[in-house]
Protein backbone atom coordinates (compact mmCIF):
# COMPACT_ATOMS: atom_id res chain seq x y z
CA UNK A 1 -5.68 -6.54 -9.07
CA UNK A 2 -6.88 -5.27 -12.42
CA UNK A 3 -9.14 -2.21 -12.37
CA UNK A 4 -12.04 -4.19 -13.81
CA UNK A 5 -11.94 -6.70 -10.94
CA UNK A 6 -14.46 -6.21 -8.15
CA UNK A 7 -12.86 -4.43 -5.21
CA UNK A 8 -12.95 -4.88 -1.45
CA UNK A 9 -14.79 -2.90 1.23
CA UNK A 10 -13.47 -3.08 4.80
CA UNK A 11 -15.31 -1.49 7.70
CA UNK A 12 -13.43 -1.24 11.00
CA UNK A 13 -15.56 -0.65 14.12
CA UNK A 14 -13.29 0.16 17.06
CA UNK A 15 -14.00 0.09 20.77
CA UNK A 16 -13.68 3.73 21.87
CA UNK A 17 -14.78 3.22 25.46
CA UNK A 18 -12.82 4.78 28.31
CA UNK A 19 -10.55 1.74 28.65
CA UNK A 20 -8.96 2.54 25.28
CA UNK A 21 -7.35 5.61 26.88
CA UNK A 22 -5.31 3.35 29.16
CA UNK A 23 -1.56 3.33 28.57
CA UNK A 24 0.23 0.16 27.52
CA UNK A 25 4.01 0.18 27.22
CA UNK A 26 3.97 3.97 27.16
CA UNK A 27 1.29 4.29 24.44
CA UNK A 28 -2.49 4.77 24.75
CA UNK A 29 -4.39 1.77 23.41
CA UNK A 30 -6.51 3.86 21.06
CA UNK A 31 -3.37 5.10 19.29
CA UNK A 32 -2.41 1.51 18.55
CA UNK A 33 -5.91 0.94 17.15
CA UNK A 34 -5.40 4.00 14.94
CA UNK A 35 -2.08 2.58 13.76
CA UNK A 36 -3.75 -0.74 12.93
CA UNK A 37 -6.45 0.99 10.88
CA UNK A 38 -3.83 3.14 9.11
CA UNK A 39 -1.80 0.10 8.09
CA UNK A 40 -4.94 -1.58 6.82
CA UNK A 41 -5.65 1.43 4.60
CA UNK A 42 -2.06 1.37 3.34
CA UNK A 43 -2.32 -2.35 2.53
CA UNK A 44 -5.45 -1.98 0.39
CA UNK A 45 -5.31 -0.79 -3.21
CA UNK A 46 -6.66 2.55 -4.50
CA UNK A 47 -9.64 0.68 -5.99
CA UNK A 48 -10.66 -0.64 -2.55
CA UNK A 49 -12.87 1.06 0.04
CA UNK A 50 -12.47 1.48 3.79
CA UNK A 51 -14.39 3.04 6.65
CA UNK A 52 -13.55 3.45 10.35
CA UNK A 53 -16.03 4.11 13.15
CA UNK A 54 -15.75 4.41 16.92
CA UNK A 55 -18.14 2.42 19.11
CA UNK A 56 -19.17 3.51 22.59
CA UNK A 57 -22.48 5.07 23.74
CA UNK A 58 -22.82 6.23 20.11
CA UNK A 59 -21.32 4.75 16.96
CA UNK A 60 -19.88 7.40 14.69
CA UNK A 61 -17.62 7.46 11.66
CA UNK A 62 -14.26 9.15 11.87
CA UNK A 63 -13.63 8.06 8.29
CA UNK A 64 -16.82 7.29 6.33
CA UNK A 65 -16.53 4.44 3.84
CA UNK A 66 -14.72 5.80 0.80
CA UNK A 67 -12.51 4.72 -2.07
CA UNK A 68 -8.80 4.85 -1.33
CA UNK A 69 -7.89 7.07 -4.26
CA UNK A 70 -6.59 9.60 -1.71
CA UNK A 71 -5.07 7.48 1.06
CA UNK A 72 -3.54 10.49 2.82
CA UNK A 73 -6.98 12.07 3.31
CA UNK A 74 -8.48 8.82 4.60
CA UNK A 75 -5.60 8.27 7.02
CA UNK A 76 -5.92 11.86 8.24
CA UNK A 77 -9.56 11.12 9.16
CA UNK A 78 -8.65 7.82 10.84
CA UNK A 79 -6.29 9.74 13.13
CA UNK A 80 -9.28 11.62 14.54
CA UNK A 81 -10.35 8.50 16.47
CA UNK A 82 -10.57 9.27 20.20
CA UNK A 83 -11.86 7.35 23.24
CA UNK A 84 -15.06 8.52 24.91
CA UNK A 85 -17.02 7.14 27.83
CA UNK A 86 -19.27 4.19 28.52
CA UNK A 87 -18.61 0.73 27.11
CA UNK A 88 -18.58 -0.97 23.74
CA UNK A 89 -21.99 -2.29 22.69
CA UNK A 90 -22.15 -5.34 20.45
CA UNK A 91 -25.68 -5.24 19.01
CA UNK A 92 -25.66 -1.54 18.01
CA UNK A 93 -22.21 -2.03 16.48
CA UNK A 94 -23.38 -4.98 14.41
CA UNK A 95 -26.51 -3.15 13.27
CA UNK A 96 -24.36 -0.18 12.21
CA UNK A 97 -21.99 -2.45 10.27
CA UNK A 98 -24.83 -4.41 8.67
CA UNK A 99 -26.49 -1.29 7.33
CA UNK A 100 -23.22 0.23 6.12
CA UNK A 101 -21.87 -2.86 4.34
CA UNK A 102 -25.16 -3.83 2.71
CA UNK A 103 -25.03 -0.50 0.89
CA UNK A 104 -21.73 -1.50 -0.72
CA UNK A 105 -21.62 -3.27 -4.11
CA UNK A 106 -18.06 -4.62 -3.98
CA UNK A 107 -17.50 -8.36 -4.21
CA UNK A 108 -15.70 -8.56 -0.85
CA UNK A 109 -17.43 -6.89 2.12
CA UNK A 110 -15.74 -7.37 5.46
CA UNK A 111 -16.13 -6.12 9.04
CA UNK A 112 -13.38 -5.99 11.64
CA UNK A 113 -14.95 -5.49 15.09
CA UNK A 114 -12.50 -4.55 17.83
CA UNK A 115 -13.94 -5.05 21.32
CA UNK A 116 -12.85 -5.37 24.94
CA UNK A 117 -12.65 -9.03 25.98
CA UNK A 118 -13.75 -8.10 29.50
CA UNK A 119 -16.22 -5.27 28.91
CA UNK A 120 -18.48 -5.83 25.88
CA UNK A 121 -22.16 -5.15 26.59
CA UNK A 122 -25.55 -5.58 24.90
CA UNK A 123 -25.08 -8.88 23.07
CA UNK A 124 -28.74 -8.76 22.01
CA UNK A 125 -29.28 -10.06 18.48
CA UNK A 126 -25.60 -9.75 17.50
CA UNK A 127 -25.19 -13.40 16.56
CA UNK A 128 -28.29 -13.36 14.39
CA UNK A 129 -27.15 -10.19 12.62
CA UNK A 130 -23.69 -11.66 11.94
CA UNK A 131 -25.25 -14.87 10.63
CA UNK A 132 -27.56 -12.95 8.27
CA UNK A 133 -24.61 -10.88 7.06
CA UNK A 134 -22.65 -14.05 6.32
CA UNK A 135 -25.54 -15.45 4.26
CA UNK A 136 -25.26 -12.31 2.14
CA UNK A 137 -21.48 -12.75 1.83
CA UNK A 138 -20.53 -10.10 4.38
CA UNK A 139 -17.89 -11.53 6.71
CA UNK A 140 -17.08 -10.54 10.29
CA UNK A 141 -13.72 -10.80 12.02
CA UNK A 142 -13.60 -10.11 15.75
CA UNK A 143 -10.54 -8.90 17.64
CA UNK A 144 -10.70 -9.05 21.44
CA UNK A 145 -8.38 -6.77 23.39
CA UNK A 146 -7.44 -8.73 26.50
CA UNK A 147 -8.94 -11.88 27.97
CA UNK A 148 -12.11 -11.78 30.06
CA UNK A 149 -15.75 -12.73 30.52
CA UNK A 150 -16.83 -11.70 27.00
CA UNK A 151 -14.26 -13.70 25.04
CA UNK A 152 -16.52 -16.72 24.48
CA UNK A 153 -19.24 -14.49 23.04
CA UNK A 154 -16.73 -12.71 20.78
CA UNK A 155 -15.46 -16.09 19.55
CA UNK A 156 -19.03 -17.11 18.69
CA UNK A 157 -19.60 -13.82 16.89
CA UNK A 158 -16.59 -14.43 14.64
CA UNK A 159 -17.61 -18.05 14.03
CA UNK A 160 -21.16 -17.26 12.88
CA UNK A 161 -19.87 -14.25 10.96
CA UNK A 162 -17.56 -16.36 8.82
CA UNK A 163 -14.41 -14.44 9.74
CA UNK A 164 -11.51 -14.94 12.11
CA UNK A 165 -11.22 -14.53 15.88
CA UNK A 166 -8.07 -12.96 17.29
CA UNK A 167 -7.12 -12.39 20.91
CA UNK A 168 -4.77 -9.45 21.35
CA UNK A 169 -3.36 -9.88 24.82
CA UNK A 170 -1.56 -6.62 24.12
CA UNK A 171 -2.80 -3.70 22.04
CA UNK A 172 0.63 -3.56 20.40
CA UNK A 173 -0.39 -6.65 18.39
CA UNK A 174 -3.31 -4.87 16.71
CA UNK A 175 -1.49 -3.58 13.59
CA UNK A 176 -0.20 -7.06 12.74
CA UNK A 177 -3.58 -8.70 13.40
CA UNK A 178 -5.50 -6.20 11.25
CA UNK A 179 -3.16 -6.39 8.27
CA UNK A 180 -2.96 -10.20 8.34
CA UNK A 181 -6.74 -10.43 8.42
CA UNK A 182 -7.28 -8.03 5.53
CA UNK A 183 -4.55 -9.70 3.47
CA UNK A 184 -6.42 -12.98 3.90
CA UNK A 185 -9.88 -11.74 2.93
CA UNK A 186 -8.63 -9.75 -0.06
CA UNK A 187 -7.06 -12.84 -1.68
CA UNK A 188 -10.06 -13.19 -3.94
CA UNK A 189 -8.45 -12.01 -7.17
CA UNK A 190 -9.46 -15.06 -9.20
CA UNK A 191 -10.43 -15.11 -12.86
CA UNK A 192 -12.84 -17.96 -13.61
CA UNK A 193 -14.02 -19.45 -16.90
CA UNK A 194 -12.60 -21.97 -19.38
CA UNK A 195 -9.75 -20.76 -21.62
CA UNK A 196 -6.67 -22.02 -23.47
CA UNK A 197 -3.28 -20.79 -22.22
CA UNK A 198 -1.21 -18.85 -24.74
CA UNK A 199 2.46 -19.96 -24.65
CA UNK A 200 5.23 -17.44 -25.29
CA UNK A 201 7.09 -18.46 -28.42
CA UNK A 202 10.73 -19.36 -27.91
CA UNK A 203 10.71 -19.60 -24.10
CA UNK A 204 13.08 -22.36 -22.90
CA UNK A 205 10.73 -23.35 -20.07
CA UNK A 206 8.28 -24.74 -22.67
CA UNK A 207 10.91 -26.41 -24.85
CA UNK A 208 9.61 -29.70 -26.25
CA UNK A 209 5.96 -28.97 -25.44
CA UNK A 210 3.52 -28.83 -28.34
CA UNK A 211 1.40 -25.67 -27.84
CA UNK A 212 -1.58 -27.50 -29.35
CA UNK A 213 -1.33 -30.16 -26.63
CA UNK A 214 -1.75 -27.73 -23.74
CA UNK A 215 -5.20 -28.42 -22.23
CA UNK A 216 -7.69 -25.71 -21.27
CA UNK A 217 -7.81 -24.33 -17.74
CA UNK A 218 -10.84 -23.15 -15.77
CA UNK A 219 -9.37 -20.45 -13.50
CA UNK A 220 -6.23 -18.65 -12.32
CA UNK A 221 -5.12 -16.09 -9.76
CA UNK A 222 -4.73 -12.53 -11.01
CA UNK A 223 -1.14 -11.31 -10.69
CA UNK A 224 1.29 -8.84 -12.20
CA UNK A 225 4.56 -9.86 -13.83
CA UNK A 226 7.41 -8.91 -11.50
CA UNK A 227 10.35 -6.86 -12.87
CA UNK A 228 12.89 -8.85 -14.90
CA UNK A 229 10.65 -11.94 -15.01
CA UNK A 230 10.33 -13.99 -18.21
CA UNK A 231 6.78 -14.83 -19.27
CA UNK A 232 6.20 -18.45 -20.31
CA UNK A 233 2.41 -18.51 -20.69
CA UNK A 234 -0.32 -15.92 -20.50
CA UNK A 235 -4.11 -15.92 -20.43
CA UNK A 236 -6.19 -14.52 -23.30
CA UNK A 237 -6.56 -11.40 -21.10
CA UNK A 238 -2.76 -10.97 -21.03
CA UNK A 239 -2.41 -12.03 -17.38
CA UNK A 240 0.65 -14.11 -16.40
CA UNK A 241 0.09 -17.87 -16.07
CA UNK A 242 3.69 -19.08 -16.03
CA UNK A 243 6.75 -16.97 -15.27
CA UNK A 244 10.37 -17.50 -14.29
CA UNK A 245 13.06 -15.24 -12.91
CA UNK A 246 16.58 -15.47 -11.55
CA UNK A 247 17.17 -15.39 -7.80
CA UNK A 248 20.83 -15.50 -6.87
CA UNK A 249 22.29 -18.53 -8.65
CA UNK A 250 18.92 -20.22 -8.99
CA UNK A 251 15.68 -19.89 -10.93
CA UNK A 252 12.22 -19.45 -9.41
CA UNK A 253 8.98 -20.32 -11.17
CA UNK A 254 5.39 -19.21 -10.62
CA UNK A 255 2.32 -20.95 -12.07
CA UNK A 256 -0.89 -19.07 -11.27
CA UNK A 257 -3.43 -21.80 -12.06
CA UNK A 258 -3.66 -25.24 -10.42
CA UNK A 259 -3.16 -28.94 -11.13
CA UNK A 260 -6.32 -29.98 -9.30
CA UNK A 261 -9.49 -31.06 -11.06
CA UNK A 262 -11.44 -27.90 -10.24
CA UNK A 263 -9.17 -25.75 -12.41
CA UNK A 264 -7.53 -28.31 -14.69
CA UNK A 265 -9.46 -29.74 -17.65
CA UNK A 266 -7.11 -32.70 -18.23
CA UNK A 267 -7.33 -33.90 -14.63
CA UNK A 268 -11.08 -33.32 -14.58
CA UNK A 269 -11.56 -35.40 -17.74
CA UNK A 270 -9.22 -38.28 -16.88
CA UNK A 271 -9.46 -38.43 -13.11
CA UNK A 272 -13.02 -37.55 -12.10
CA UNK A 273 -13.64 -36.98 -8.38
CA UNK A 274 -14.56 -40.10 -6.43
């Protein structure tokens, strides 16, 4: 993503109740939660922001929300996460997240709430808080560790929060779940606004096409040109629109806009939606 593009803020609130000290396949559960948060930090770009807090009788940051310009320092703080006593409390956790994320001015603001599927207490106004956050474009994903009596509530929390619900029957699945979720919510690198593509002169991929006949587009996904790729078309901001590169004996092609009417002026003009 270009530096001028609005970045992402991810807040991870982790169950640090006593059950997270339990050993699964030779590893304490909380260490797998740490690993999941670390991988999330590694996945995000230096322009993004992340925070990690533990939730039990109190909710406290181990890594306050900060820009990832120094990932090593952030990851060092994440590794301070430790289980305590008591349980994990939904309403205080949601209030904490609501206050923290509303203070952020990034375009994408996202909560990952990790809770015990069999031991989550104090539902309170959690659903209402998550719904209000969603109205203000703050999304909530919920990850339940293990099945149990609280799973239905946790599913509802994710549904009203506009995020995903994941059931981790084993804590070892947490790193994969966290990184998949963050990869999904950070796919918002879209440049919108009408423009005319700028073809690269002499590129074989555009042979026989009159540059003046290329219609305007309304949006495209922000990408970088991969090494050894040939650029066929670019945007006025120098972003790739059409690129080709060799793969083995074949050729691959990427087009970063769309042929549908929302992004394509020709289709919009000639084939209006029914």
